[in-house]
Amino acid sequence: MSLSLTGHGVQQAQLVGERLKNRQFTVIISSPLKRAFDTAQAIYNDQPGKPKFFTDARLMEVHMGEFEDKNWNIYKLPKLDGVPYRHRRFPHGESRHDAYLRVSTFIEDLFTEYPVNDSSDVNILIVAHGMVLSEVSNALHSKQKVPWEHIRWHNTAVTTLQLHPTGGLNVLEANDTSHLERLVRQRGGIGSASHDPSQTKLTGYFGKTA
């Protein structure tokens, strides 16, 4: 399922775009699902020098099959004897390991196009979804031959990894949402509705409040 950004999500996308506008990216690669794509578009729009910008279906969220759009407090992934959690598939969907294998091919292709070496000055932005971004991180750690690190992924959070030509990487920032401190949550349920670009902002009616 590909859903539009809510009004609240649009604000988040605009704020992360503003935060990243002074980081000149070589390329922006997004999941084709609408919320991720619209967020990537907001970041791209704020880039002074326009980088390459495209989507890759391998960055789509883990396919949860029958669990799509379900309440996880009610629907639980079934336990299977002898099957590790990461290998347990959602009914008619994927496992975390399936997603890891999927994004690993993406990482291999990415390294072929943008090799990590001493002479390169490449900044790549990946915009995707929480579970699949965890697998992107895992695939990068594996590629660089370092142990996996657990990183949380909140909406529009910024995580920056610095990769080294001889292997290894540094996590320069993880799940940073400081740009959302100026976020104004809309009242009355408006923030949970899909964004209407023609909608007038509430401040246009009532003026700014202290």
N, C-alpha and C. Protein backbone atom coordinates (compact mmCIF):
# COMPACT_ATOMS: atom_id res chain seq x y z
N MET A 1 0.84 -1.19 0.00
CA MET A 1 0.00 0.00 0.00
C MET A 1 0.89 1.25 0.00
N SER A 2 0.58 2.20 -0.89
CA SER A 2 1.36 3.43 -0.98
C SER A 2 0.47 4.60 -0.61
N LEU A 3 0.72 5.19 0.55
CA LEU A 3 -0.12 6.25 1.09
C LEU A 3 0.55 7.61 0.91
N SER A 4 -0.28 8.65 0.82
CA SER A 4 0.23 10.01 0.72
C SER A 4 0.69 10.50 2.09
N LEU A 5 1.55 11.50 2.08
CA LEU A 5 1.94 12.15 3.33
C LEU A 5 0.74 12.84 3.95
N THR A 6 0.65 12.78 5.28
CA THR A 6 -0.33 13.58 5.99
C THR A 6 0.15 15.03 6.03
N GLY A 7 -0.72 15.93 6.47
CA GLY A 7 -0.29 17.32 6.64
C GLY A 7 0.91 17.43 7.56
N HIS A 8 0.90 16.61 8.62
CA HIS A 8 2.01 16.57 9.56
C HIS A 8 3.27 16.07 8.86
N GLY A 9 3.11 15.04 8.01
CA GLY A 9 4.24 14.49 7.28
C GLY A 9 4.84 15.47 6.29
N VAL A 10 3.99 16.28 5.68
CA VAL A 10 4.48 17.30 4.76
C VAL A 10 5.38 18.28 5.49
N GLN A 11 4.96 18.70 6.70
CA GLN A 11 5.80 19.60 7.51
C GLN A 11 7.14 18.95 7.81
N GLN A 12 7.11 17.67 8.19
CA GLN A 12 8.35 16.95 8.49
C GLN A 12 9.28 16.93 7.28
N ALA A 13 8.71 16.65 6.11
CA ALA A 13 9.51 16.60 4.89
C ALA A 13 10.13 17.95 4.57
N GLN A 14 9.36 19.01 4.76
CA GLN A 14 9.88 20.35 4.49
C GLN A 14 11.01 20.70 5.45
N LEU A 15 10.88 20.30 6.71
CA LEU A 15 11.91 20.62 7.71
C LEU A 15 13.19 19.83 7.46
N VAL A 16 13.07 18.57 7.07
CA VAL A 16 14.29 17.81 6.80
C VAL A 16 14.95 18.31 5.51
N GLY A 17 14.13 18.77 4.55
CA GLY A 17 14.71 19.36 3.34
C GLY A 17 15.50 20.61 3.65
N GLU A 18 14.95 21.44 4.54
CA GLU A 18 15.65 22.66 4.95
C GLU A 18 16.94 22.32 5.69
N ARG A 19 16.87 21.28 6.53
CA ARG A 19 18.06 20.89 7.29
C ARG A 19 19.19 20.44 6.37
N LEU A 20 18.84 19.72 5.32
CA LEU A 20 19.87 19.09 4.46
C LEU A 20 20.25 19.94 3.26
N LYS A 21 19.72 21.15 3.15
CA LYS A 21 19.94 21.93 1.93
C LYS A 21 21.40 22.32 1.72
N ASN A 22 22.19 22.35 2.79
CA ASN A 22 23.60 22.72 2.64
C ASN A 22 24.51 21.50 2.49
N ARG A 23 23.93 20.32 2.45
CA ARG A 23 24.70 19.13 2.13
C ARG A 23 24.48 18.84 0.64
N GLN A 24 25.51 19.01 -0.14
CA GLN A 24 25.35 18.79 -1.57
C GLN A 24 25.46 17.30 -1.87
N PHE A 25 24.35 16.70 -2.25
CA PHE A 25 24.33 15.27 -2.53
C PHE A 25 24.71 15.00 -3.99
N THR A 26 25.41 13.91 -4.18
CA THR A 26 25.74 13.45 -5.53
C THR A 26 24.52 12.83 -6.17
N VAL A 27 23.78 12.09 -5.37
CA VAL A 27 22.59 11.41 -5.87
C VAL A 27 21.61 11.20 -4.72
N ILE A 28 20.32 11.29 -5.02
CA ILE A 28 19.26 10.97 -4.07
C ILE A 28 18.50 9.77 -4.64
N ILE A 29 18.39 8.72 -3.84
CA ILE A 29 17.70 7.51 -4.28
C ILE A 29 16.59 7.21 -3.29
N SER A 30 15.39 7.03 -3.81
CA SER A 30 14.22 6.88 -2.95
C SER A 30 13.47 5.60 -3.27
N SER A 31 12.77 5.10 -2.26
CA SER A 31 11.73 4.11 -2.51
C SER A 31 10.68 4.75 -3.41
N PRO A 32 10.06 3.97 -4.30
CA PRO A 32 9.02 4.54 -5.14
C PRO A 32 7.69 4.75 -4.42
N LEU A 33 7.55 4.21 -3.20
CA LEU A 33 6.30 4.40 -2.47
C LEU A 33 6.13 5.88 -2.13
N LYS A 34 4.88 6.34 -2.18
CA LYS A 34 4.61 7.78 -2.26
C LYS A 34 5.14 8.59 -1.09
N ARG A 35 5.01 8.10 0.13
CA ARG A 35 5.47 8.91 1.27
C ARG A 35 6.98 9.14 1.22
N ALA A 36 7.72 8.08 0.91
CA ALA A 36 9.18 8.22 0.81
C ALA A 36 9.53 9.11 -0.38
N PHE A 37 8.87 8.89 -1.52
CA PHE A 37 9.18 9.68 -2.71
C PHE A 37 8.90 11.15 -2.49
N ASP A 38 7.76 11.48 -1.88
CA ASP A 38 7.42 12.88 -1.63
C ASP A 38 8.41 13.53 -0.66
N THR A 39 8.88 12.76 0.31
CA THR A 39 9.90 13.28 1.23
C THR A 39 11.20 13.54 0.48
N ALA A 40 11.61 12.59 -0.37
CA ALA A 40 12.82 12.77 -1.17
C ALA A 40 12.68 13.97 -2.10
N GLN A 41 11.49 14.16 -2.66
CA GLN A 41 11.25 15.29 -3.55
C GLN A 41 11.41 16.62 -2.81
N ALA A 42 10.93 16.67 -1.56
CA ALA A 42 11.06 17.89 -0.76
C ALA A 42 12.54 18.20 -0.50
N ILE A 43 13.33 17.17 -0.24
CA ILE A 43 14.76 17.36 -0.02
C ILE A 43 15.43 17.82 -1.31
N TYR A 44 15.08 17.17 -2.41
CA TYR A 44 15.64 17.53 -3.72
C TYR A 44 15.33 18.99 -4.06
N ASN A 45 14.11 19.41 -3.78
CA ASN A 45 13.71 20.78 -4.11
C ASN A 45 14.55 21.82 -3.39
N ASP A 46 15.08 21.48 -2.21
CA ASP A 46 15.89 22.42 -1.44
C ASP A 46 17.38 22.34 -1.77
N GLN A 47 17.77 21.44 -2.64
CA GLN A 47 19.18 21.32 -3.02
C GLN A 47 19.54 22.42 -4.01
N PRO A 48 20.54 23.25 -3.70
CA PRO A 48 20.89 24.35 -4.61
C PRO A 48 21.45 23.85 -5.95
N GLY A 49 22.27 22.81 -5.90
CA GLY A 49 22.75 22.19 -7.13
C GLY A 49 22.02 20.87 -7.27
N LYS A 50 21.24 20.69 -8.31
CA LYS A 50 20.34 19.55 -8.39
C LYS A 50 21.10 18.24 -8.66
N PRO A 51 21.06 17.31 -7.69
CA PRO A 51 21.73 16.03 -7.89
C PRO A 51 20.89 15.09 -8.75
N LYS A 52 21.46 13.96 -9.12
CA LYS A 52 20.65 12.91 -9.74
C LYS A 52 19.58 12.49 -8.72
N PHE A 53 18.43 12.12 -9.24
CA PHE A 53 17.32 11.75 -8.35
C PHE A 53 16.51 10.67 -9.05
N PHE A 54 16.45 9.49 -8.43
CA PHE A 54 15.66 8.42 -9.03
C PHE A 54 15.18 7.47 -7.94
N THR A 55 14.30 6.57 -8.31
CA THR A 55 13.76 5.60 -7.37
C THR A 55 14.30 4.21 -7.68
N ASP A 56 14.24 3.35 -6.68
CA ASP A 56 14.64 1.95 -6.84
C ASP A 56 13.67 1.09 -6.04
N ALA A 57 13.01 0.16 -6.70
CA ALA A 57 11.99 -0.66 -6.04
C ALA A 57 12.57 -1.53 -4.93
N ARG A 58 13.87 -1.75 -4.94
CA ARG A 58 14.49 -2.57 -3.88
C ARG A 58 14.50 -1.85 -2.54
N LEU A 59 14.16 -0.56 -2.54
CA LEU A 59 14.09 0.20 -1.29
C LEU A 59 12.68 0.25 -0.72
N MET A 60 11.75 -0.45 -1.34
CA MET A 60 10.39 -0.50 -0.79
C MET A 60 10.40 -1.20 0.57
N GLU A 61 9.43 -0.86 1.41
CA GLU A 61 9.36 -1.43 2.75
C GLU A 61 9.20 -2.94 2.69
N VAL A 62 9.60 -3.60 3.78
CA VAL A 62 9.39 -5.04 3.90
C VAL A 62 7.93 -5.34 3.61
N HIS A 63 7.69 -6.28 2.70
CA HIS A 63 6.32 -6.63 2.33
C HIS A 63 5.71 -7.49 3.43
N MET A 64 4.69 -6.95 4.09
CA MET A 64 4.12 -7.62 5.26
C MET A 64 2.90 -8.48 4.92
N GLY A 65 2.62 -8.66 3.63
CA GLY A 65 1.56 -9.59 3.24
C GLY A 65 0.24 -9.30 3.92
N GLU A 66 -0.31 -10.31 4.60
CA GLU A 66 -1.60 -10.17 5.27
C GLU A 66 -1.55 -9.20 6.44
N PHE A 67 -0.34 -8.81 6.88
CA PHE A 67 -0.22 -7.89 8.00
C PHE A 67 -0.26 -6.42 7.56
N GLU A 68 -0.28 -6.17 6.25
CA GLU A 68 -0.31 -4.79 5.77
C GLU A 68 -1.49 -4.05 6.37
N ASP A 69 -1.21 -2.87 6.94
CA ASP A 69 -2.24 -1.99 7.49
C ASP A 69 -3.01 -2.62 8.64
N LYS A 70 -2.37 -3.55 9.36
CA LYS A 70 -3.01 -4.20 10.50
C LYS A 70 -2.39 -3.69 11.80
N ASN A 71 -3.13 -3.80 12.89
CA ASN A 71 -2.67 -3.43 14.22
C ASN A 71 -1.77 -4.53 14.77
N TRP A 72 -0.51 -4.20 14.99
CA TRP A 72 0.45 -5.22 15.44
C TRP A 72 0.19 -5.67 16.87
N ASN A 73 -0.62 -4.91 17.61
CA ASN A 73 -0.98 -5.36 18.96
C ASN A 73 -1.95 -6.54 18.92
N ILE A 74 -2.58 -6.71 17.77
CA ILE A 74 -3.53 -7.80 17.59
C ILE A 74 -2.94 -8.92 16.74
N TYR A 75 -2.28 -8.52 15.65
CA TYR A 75 -1.71 -9.49 14.73
C TYR A 75 -0.23 -9.71 15.06
N LYS A 76 0.13 -10.92 15.38
CA LYS A 76 1.50 -11.25 15.76
C LYS A 76 2.12 -12.19 14.73
N LEU A 77 3.38 -11.96 14.43
CA LEU A 77 4.09 -12.84 13.51
C LEU A 77 4.19 -14.22 14.15
N PRO A 78 3.69 -15.26 13.48
CA PRO A 78 3.69 -16.58 14.11
C PRO A 78 5.09 -17.12 14.36
N LYS A 79 5.27 -17.79 15.49
CA LYS A 79 6.54 -18.42 15.82
C LYS A 79 6.61 -19.78 15.14
N LEU A 80 7.75 -20.07 14.55
CA LEU A 80 7.96 -21.34 13.88
C LEU A 80 9.18 -22.02 14.50
N ASP A 81 9.00 -23.24 14.96
CA ASP A 81 10.09 -23.97 15.60
C ASP A 81 11.30 -24.06 14.68
N GLY A 82 12.44 -23.65 15.22
CA GLY A 82 13.69 -23.76 14.48
C GLY A 82 13.92 -22.68 13.45
N VAL A 83 12.98 -21.75 13.30
CA VAL A 83 13.15 -20.68 12.32
C VAL A 83 13.47 -19.38 13.04
N PRO A 84 14.67 -18.83 12.85
CA PRO A 84 15.02 -17.56 13.52
C PRO A 84 14.06 -16.44 13.14
N TYR A 85 13.93 -15.47 14.03
CA TYR A 85 12.98 -14.37 13.81
C TYR A 85 13.20 -13.71 12.45
N ARG A 86 14.45 -13.44 12.09
CA ARG A 86 14.74 -12.72 10.86
C ARG A 86 14.33 -13.51 9.62
N HIS A 87 14.17 -14.81 9.76
CA HIS A 87 13.82 -15.65 8.61
C HIS A 87 12.32 -15.98 8.58
N ARG A 88 11.57 -15.51 9.58
CA ARG A 88 10.13 -15.77 9.59
C ARG A 88 9.42 -14.79 8.67
N ARG A 89 8.69 -15.32 7.73
CA ARG A 89 8.00 -14.48 6.76
C ARG A 89 6.63 -14.08 7.27
N PHE A 90 6.25 -12.83 6.92
CA PHE A 90 4.87 -12.44 7.12
C PHE A 90 4.00 -13.30 6.19
N PRO A 91 2.82 -13.69 6.61
CA PRO A 91 1.97 -14.51 5.74
C PRO A 91 1.77 -13.85 4.38
N HIS A 92 2.19 -14.56 3.31
CA HIS A 92 2.12 -14.07 1.94
C HIS A 92 2.98 -12.81 1.76
N GLY A 93 4.02 -12.70 2.55
CA GLY A 93 4.91 -11.54 2.45
C GLY A 93 6.37 -11.95 2.54
N GLU A 94 7.19 -11.03 3.04
CA GLU A 94 8.63 -11.23 3.13
C GLU A 94 9.07 -11.43 4.58
N SER A 95 10.28 -11.92 4.73
CA SER A 95 10.96 -11.90 6.03
C SER A 95 11.95 -10.74 6.03
N ARG A 96 12.48 -10.43 7.20
CA ARG A 96 13.53 -9.40 7.27
C ARG A 96 14.74 -9.84 6.46
N HIS A 97 15.03 -11.15 6.49
CA HIS A 97 16.18 -11.65 5.73
C HIS A 97 15.95 -11.50 4.23
N ASP A 98 14.71 -11.72 3.78
CA ASP A 98 14.40 -11.50 2.37
C ASP A 98 14.72 -10.06 1.98
N ALA A 99 14.31 -9.12 2.83
CA ALA A 99 14.57 -7.70 2.55
C ALA A 99 16.07 -7.41 2.56
N TYR A 100 16.78 -8.05 3.48
CA TYR A 100 18.24 -7.88 3.54
C TYR A 100 18.90 -8.32 2.22
N LEU A 101 18.49 -9.47 1.72
CA LEU A 101 19.04 -9.96 0.46
C LEU A 101 18.69 -9.01 -0.69
N ARG A 102 17.49 -8.48 -0.65
CA ARG A 102 17.03 -7.55 -1.69
C ARG A 102 17.88 -6.28 -1.70
N VAL A 103 18.07 -5.67 -0.52
CA VAL A 103 18.83 -4.42 -0.49
C VAL A 103 20.32 -4.65 -0.65
N SER A 104 20.79 -5.87 -0.37
CA SER A 104 22.21 -6.17 -0.60
C SER A 104 22.56 -6.06 -2.08
N THR A 105 21.64 -6.48 -2.96
CA THR A 105 21.90 -6.32 -4.40
C THR A 105 21.90 -4.84 -4.77
N PHE A 106 21.05 -4.06 -4.11
CA PHE A 106 21.04 -2.61 -4.33
C PHE A 106 22.38 -2.00 -3.92
N ILE A 107 22.91 -2.40 -2.76
CA ILE A 107 24.19 -1.88 -2.28
C ILE A 107 25.33 -2.26 -3.23
N GLU A 108 25.32 -3.50 -3.72
CA GLU A 108 26.35 -3.92 -4.66
C GLU A 108 26.32 -3.06 -5.91
N ASP A 109 25.13 -2.82 -6.45
CA ASP A 109 25.02 -1.98 -7.65
C ASP A 109 25.44 -0.54 -7.35
N LEU A 110 25.12 -0.08 -6.15
CA LEU A 110 25.48 1.28 -5.76
C LEU A 110 26.99 1.45 -5.69
N PHE A 111 27.67 0.45 -5.12
CA PHE A 111 29.13 0.51 -5.02
C PHE A 111 29.79 0.41 -6.39
N THR A 112 29.15 -0.29 -7.31
CA THR A 112 29.69 -0.36 -8.66
C THR A 112 29.63 1.00 -9.35
N GLU A 113 28.51 1.69 -9.15
CA GLU A 113 28.33 3.01 -9.77
C GLU A 113 29.12 4.09 -9.03
N TYR A 114 29.19 3.97 -7.70
CA TYR A 114 29.86 4.98 -6.87
C TYR A 114 30.85 4.28 -5.93
N PRO A 115 32.01 3.87 -6.45
CA PRO A 115 32.97 3.15 -5.61
C PRO A 115 33.51 4.02 -4.48
N VAL A 116 33.81 3.37 -3.36
CA VAL A 116 34.40 4.06 -2.21
C VAL A 116 35.91 4.02 -2.37
N ASN A 117 36.52 5.17 -2.61
CA ASN A 117 37.98 5.24 -2.72
C ASN A 117 38.46 6.59 -2.23
N ASP A 118 39.76 6.73 -2.10
CA ASP A 118 40.34 7.94 -1.52
C ASP A 118 40.08 9.18 -2.37
N SER A 119 39.89 9.00 -3.67
CA SER A 119 39.74 10.15 -4.56
C SER A 119 38.29 10.59 -4.74
N SER A 120 37.36 9.78 -4.22
CA SER A 120 35.95 10.10 -4.45
C SER A 120 35.42 11.03 -3.36
N ASP A 121 34.54 11.92 -3.78
CA ASP A 121 33.85 12.80 -2.84
C ASP A 121 32.36 12.65 -3.15
N VAL A 122 31.80 11.56 -2.66
CA VAL A 122 30.45 11.16 -3.02
C VAL A 122 29.56 11.21 -1.79
N ASN A 123 28.44 11.89 -1.91
CA ASN A 123 27.45 11.94 -0.84
C ASN A 123 26.14 11.40 -1.38
N ILE A 124 25.71 10.28 -0.83
CA ILE A 124 24.52 9.60 -1.32
C ILE A 124 23.43 9.68 -0.27
N LEU A 125 22.24 10.08 -0.68
CA LEU A 125 21.09 10.12 0.22
C LEU A 125 20.11 9.02 -0.19
N ILE A 126 19.75 8.19 0.79
CA ILE A 126 18.76 7.13 0.59
C ILE A 126 17.54 7.47 1.43
N VAL A 127 16.39 7.52 0.80
CA VAL A 127 15.13 7.83 1.48
C VAL A 127 14.21 6.62 1.35
N ALA A 128 13.88 6.02 2.48
CA ALA A 128 13.07 4.80 2.42
C ALA A 128 12.23 4.68 3.69
N HIS A 129 12.11 3.47 4.23
CA HIS A 129 11.18 3.16 5.31
C HIS A 129 11.92 2.45 6.44
N GLY A 130 11.32 2.49 7.64
CA GLY A 130 12.01 2.05 8.84
C GLY A 130 12.66 0.68 8.78
N MET A 131 11.87 -0.37 8.48
CA MET A 131 12.43 -1.72 8.50
C MET A 131 13.45 -1.93 7.40
N VAL A 132 13.14 -1.43 6.20
CA VAL A 132 14.08 -1.66 5.10
C VAL A 132 15.35 -0.83 5.27
N LEU A 133 15.25 0.35 5.91
CA LEU A 133 16.47 1.12 6.19
C LEU A 133 17.37 0.39 7.17
N SER A 134 16.77 -0.34 8.12
CA SER A 134 17.58 -1.16 9.02
C SER A 134 18.37 -2.20 8.22
N GLU A 135 17.73 -2.76 7.19
CA GLU A 135 18.42 -3.76 6.38
C GLU A 135 19.46 -3.11 5.46
N VAL A 136 19.22 -1.89 5.02
CA VAL A 136 20.24 -1.16 4.27
C VAL A 136 21.47 -0.94 5.15
N SER A 137 21.23 -0.53 6.39
CA SER A 137 22.33 -0.35 7.34
C SER A 137 23.07 -1.67 7.55
N ASN A 138 22.32 -2.76 7.74
CA ASN A 138 22.96 -4.06 7.94
C ASN A 138 23.80 -4.45 6.73
N ALA A 139 23.27 -4.21 5.54
CA ALA A 139 24.00 -4.56 4.31
C ALA A 139 25.27 -3.73 4.17
N LEU A 140 25.20 -2.46 4.54
CA LEU A 140 26.40 -1.60 4.48
C LEU A 140 27.44 -2.06 5.50
N HIS A 141 26.99 -2.40 6.69
CA HIS A 141 27.93 -2.91 7.70
C HIS A 141 28.58 -4.20 7.23
N SER A 142 27.80 -5.08 6.63
CA SER A 142 28.36 -6.33 6.11
C SER A 142 29.37 -6.05 5.00
N LYS A 143 29.00 -5.17 4.09
CA LYS A 143 29.89 -4.82 2.97
C LYS A 143 31.22 -4.27 3.48
N GLN A 144 31.17 -3.49 4.56
CA GLN A 144 32.37 -2.88 5.12
C GLN A 144 33.03 -3.76 6.18
N LYS A 145 32.46 -4.98 6.37
CA LYS A 145 33.06 -5.99 7.25
C LYS A 145 33.15 -5.53 8.70
N VAL A 146 32.05 -4.94 9.18
CA VAL A 146 31.96 -4.55 10.59
C VAL A 146 30.65 -5.09 11.16
N PRO A 147 30.60 -5.31 12.48
CA PRO A 147 29.37 -5.84 13.09
C PRO A 147 28.19 -4.89 12.88
N TRP A 148 27.01 -5.48 12.79
CA TRP A 148 25.80 -4.69 12.65
C TRP A 148 25.57 -3.84 13.90
N GLU A 149 24.97 -2.67 13.71
CA GLU A 149 24.57 -1.81 14.82
C GLU A 149 23.06 -1.58 14.74
N HIS A 150 22.41 -1.63 15.89
CA HIS A 150 20.97 -1.37 15.91
C HIS A 150 20.73 0.13 15.90
N ILE A 151 20.05 0.60 14.86
CA ILE A 151 19.73 2.02 14.73
C ILE A 151 18.22 2.14 14.57
N ARG A 152 17.60 2.98 15.37
CA ARG A 152 16.18 3.24 15.23
C ARG A 152 15.97 4.21 14.06
N TRP A 153 14.78 4.17 13.48
CA TRP A 153 14.50 5.01 12.32
C TRP A 153 13.14 5.68 12.49
N HIS A 154 13.15 6.89 13.04
CA HIS A 154 11.91 7.66 13.15
C HIS A 154 11.64 8.41 11.85
N ASN A 155 10.42 8.88 11.68
CA ASN A 155 10.06 9.59 10.45
C ASN A 155 10.97 10.79 10.21
N THR A 156 11.55 10.86 9.05
CA THR A 156 12.47 11.91 8.57
C THR A 156 13.71 12.07 9.44
N ALA A 157 14.01 11.08 10.28
CA ALA A 157 15.25 11.15 11.06
C ALA A 157 16.45 11.04 10.12
N VAL A 158 17.54 11.69 10.51
CA VAL A 158 18.75 11.69 9.70
C VAL A 158 19.80 10.79 10.34
N THR A 159 20.28 9.83 9.58
CA THR A 159 21.39 8.97 10.00
C THR A 159 22.48 9.11 8.94
N THR A 160 23.69 9.38 9.37
CA THR A 160 24.80 9.59 8.45
C THR A 160 25.90 8.57 8.71
N LEU A 161 26.24 7.81 7.69
CA LEU A 161 27.31 6.82 7.76
C LEU A 161 28.46 7.26 6.87
N GLN A 162 29.67 7.20 7.40
CA GLN A 162 30.87 7.52 6.63
C GLN A 162 31.62 6.22 6.35
N LEU A 163 31.76 5.87 5.07
CA LEU A 163 32.40 4.62 4.69
C LEU A 163 33.85 4.86 4.30
N HIS A 164 34.72 3.90 4.64
CA HIS A 164 36.14 4.03 4.38
C HIS A 164 36.58 3.07 3.27
N PRO A 165 37.50 3.49 2.42
CA PRO A 165 37.92 2.66 1.29
C PRO A 165 38.49 1.31 1.70
N THR A 166 39.14 1.23 2.85
CA THR A 166 39.77 -0.02 3.27
C THR A 166 38.85 -0.87 4.14
N GLY A 167 37.59 -0.47 4.25
CA GLY A 167 36.64 -1.18 5.10
C GLY A 167 36.37 -0.39 6.36
N GLY A 168 35.30 -0.75 7.04
CA GLY A 168 34.91 -0.03 8.24
C GLY A 168 34.05 1.17 7.91
N LEU A 169 33.36 1.65 8.91
CA LEU A 169 32.54 2.85 8.74
C LEU A 169 32.35 3.52 10.09
N ASN A 170 31.99 4.77 10.04
CA ASN A 170 31.65 5.54 11.23
C ASN A 170 30.21 5.99 11.16
N VAL A 171 29.50 5.87 12.27
CA VAL A 171 28.15 6.41 12.37
C VAL A 171 28.29 7.83 12.91
N LEU A 172 28.13 8.81 12.04
CA LEU A 172 28.34 10.20 12.43
C LEU A 172 27.14 10.78 13.16
N GLU A 173 25.96 10.32 12.82
CA GLU A 173 24.74 10.69 13.53
C GLU A 173 23.72 9.59 13.27
N ALA A 174 22.89 9.35 14.27
CA ALA A 174 21.93 8.25 14.17
C ALA A 174 20.55 8.70 14.64
N ASN A 175 19.56 8.52 13.78
CA ASN A 175 18.17 8.80 14.13
C ASN A 175 17.99 10.21 14.70
N ASP A 176 18.65 11.17 14.09
CA ASP A 176 18.62 12.54 14.58
C ASP A 176 17.37 13.26 14.05
N THR A 177 16.56 13.74 14.98
CA THR A 177 15.33 14.44 14.60
C THR A 177 15.31 15.88 15.11
N SER A 178 16.48 16.45 15.34
CA SER A 178 16.53 17.80 15.91
C SER A 178 15.85 18.83 15.01
N HIS A 179 15.77 18.56 13.70
CA HIS A 179 15.11 19.50 12.80
C HIS A 179 13.61 19.57 13.03
N LEU A 180 13.06 18.59 13.77
CA LEU A 180 11.62 18.57 14.02
C LEU A 180 11.21 19.37 15.25
N GLU A 181 12.18 20.01 15.90
CA GLU A 181 11.85 20.79 17.09
C GLU A 181 10.92 21.95 16.76
N ARG A 182 10.96 22.41 15.51
CA ARG A 182 10.08 23.52 15.09
C ARG A 182 8.77 23.03 14.50
N LEU A 183 8.55 21.74 14.58
CA LEU A 183 7.34 21.17 14.00
C LEU A 183 6.11 21.62 14.78
N VAL A 184 5.10 22.06 14.06
CA VAL A 184 3.84 22.48 14.67
C VAL A 184 2.80 21.42 14.37
N ARG A 185 2.35 20.71 15.40
CA ARG A 185 1.32 19.69 15.19
C ARG A 185 -0.04 20.36 15.04
N GLN A 186 -0.70 20.04 13.94
CA GLN A 186 -1.99 20.65 13.69
C GLN A 186 -3.07 20.01 14.56
N ARG A 187 -4.00 20.80 15.00
CA ARG A 187 -5.03 20.32 15.90
C ARG A 187 -6.26 19.83 15.13
N GLY A 188 -7.12 19.14 15.84
CA GLY A 188 -8.39 18.76 15.26
C GLY A 188 -8.33 17.65 14.25
N GLY A 189 -7.22 16.89 14.25
CA GLY A 189 -7.13 15.73 13.36
C GLY A 189 -6.65 16.06 11.96
N ILE A 190 -6.40 17.33 11.68
CA ILE A 190 -5.98 17.71 10.33
C ILE A 190 -4.66 17.07 9.98
N GLY A 191 -3.76 16.95 10.96
CA GLY A 191 -2.44 16.40 10.70
C GLY A 191 -2.46 14.96 10.26
N SER A 192 -3.53 14.23 10.54
CA SER A 192 -3.58 12.83 10.15
C SER A 192 -4.24 12.63 8.80
N ALA A 193 -4.76 13.70 8.20
CA ALA A 193 -5.39 13.59 6.89
C ALA A 193 -4.35 13.73 5.80
N SER A 194 -4.62 13.14 4.63
CA SER A 194 -3.71 13.29 3.50
C SER A 194 -3.59 14.76 3.14
N HIS A 195 -2.39 15.15 2.69
CA HIS A 195 -2.12 16.56 2.42
C HIS A 195 -2.82 17.01 1.15
N ASP A 196 -3.45 18.15 1.21
CA ASP A 196 -4.06 18.80 0.05
C ASP A 196 -3.23 20.04 -0.25
N PRO A 197 -2.46 20.04 -1.37
CA PRO A 197 -1.58 21.18 -1.66
C PRO A 197 -2.32 22.49 -1.75
N SER A 198 -3.63 22.48 -2.03
CA SER A 198 -4.38 23.72 -2.16
C SER A 198 -4.94 24.21 -0.82
N GLN A 199 -4.74 23.41 0.23
CA GLN A 199 -5.30 23.78 1.53
C GLN A 199 -4.58 24.99 2.10
N THR A 200 -5.33 25.99 2.56
CA THR A 200 -4.72 27.14 3.20
C THR A 200 -4.26 26.78 4.60
N LYS A 201 -3.08 27.24 4.97
CA LYS A 201 -2.58 26.97 6.31
C LYS A 201 -3.49 27.63 7.35
N LEU A 202 -3.59 27.01 8.53
CA LEU A 202 -4.44 27.57 9.57
C LEU A 202 -3.98 28.94 10.00
N THR A 203 -2.64 29.19 9.92
CA THR A 203 -2.16 30.50 10.32
C THR A 203 -2.69 31.58 9.38
N GLY A 204 -3.07 31.17 8.17
CA GLY A 204 -3.62 32.14 7.25
C GLY A 204 -4.97 32.67 7.70
N TYR A 205 -5.68 31.90 8.51
CA TYR A 205 -6.97 32.32 9.03
C TYR A 205 -6.82 33.02 10.39
N PHE A 206 -5.98 32.44 11.24
CA PHE A 206 -5.96 32.88 12.63
C PHE A 206 -4.71 33.69 13.00
N GLY A 207 -3.75 33.78 12.10
CA GLY A 207 -2.52 34.46 12.43
C GLY A 207 -1.63 33.58 13.29
N LYS A 208 -0.39 33.96 13.45
CA LYS A 208 0.56 33.20 14.25
C LYS A 208 0.24 33.35 15.73
N THR A 209 0.43 32.27 16.45
CA THR A 209 0.22 32.32 17.90
C THR A 209 1.56 32.28 18.60
N ALA A 210 1.60 32.79 19.80
CA ALA A 210 2.85 32.85 20.56
C ALA A 210 3.26 31.45 20.98
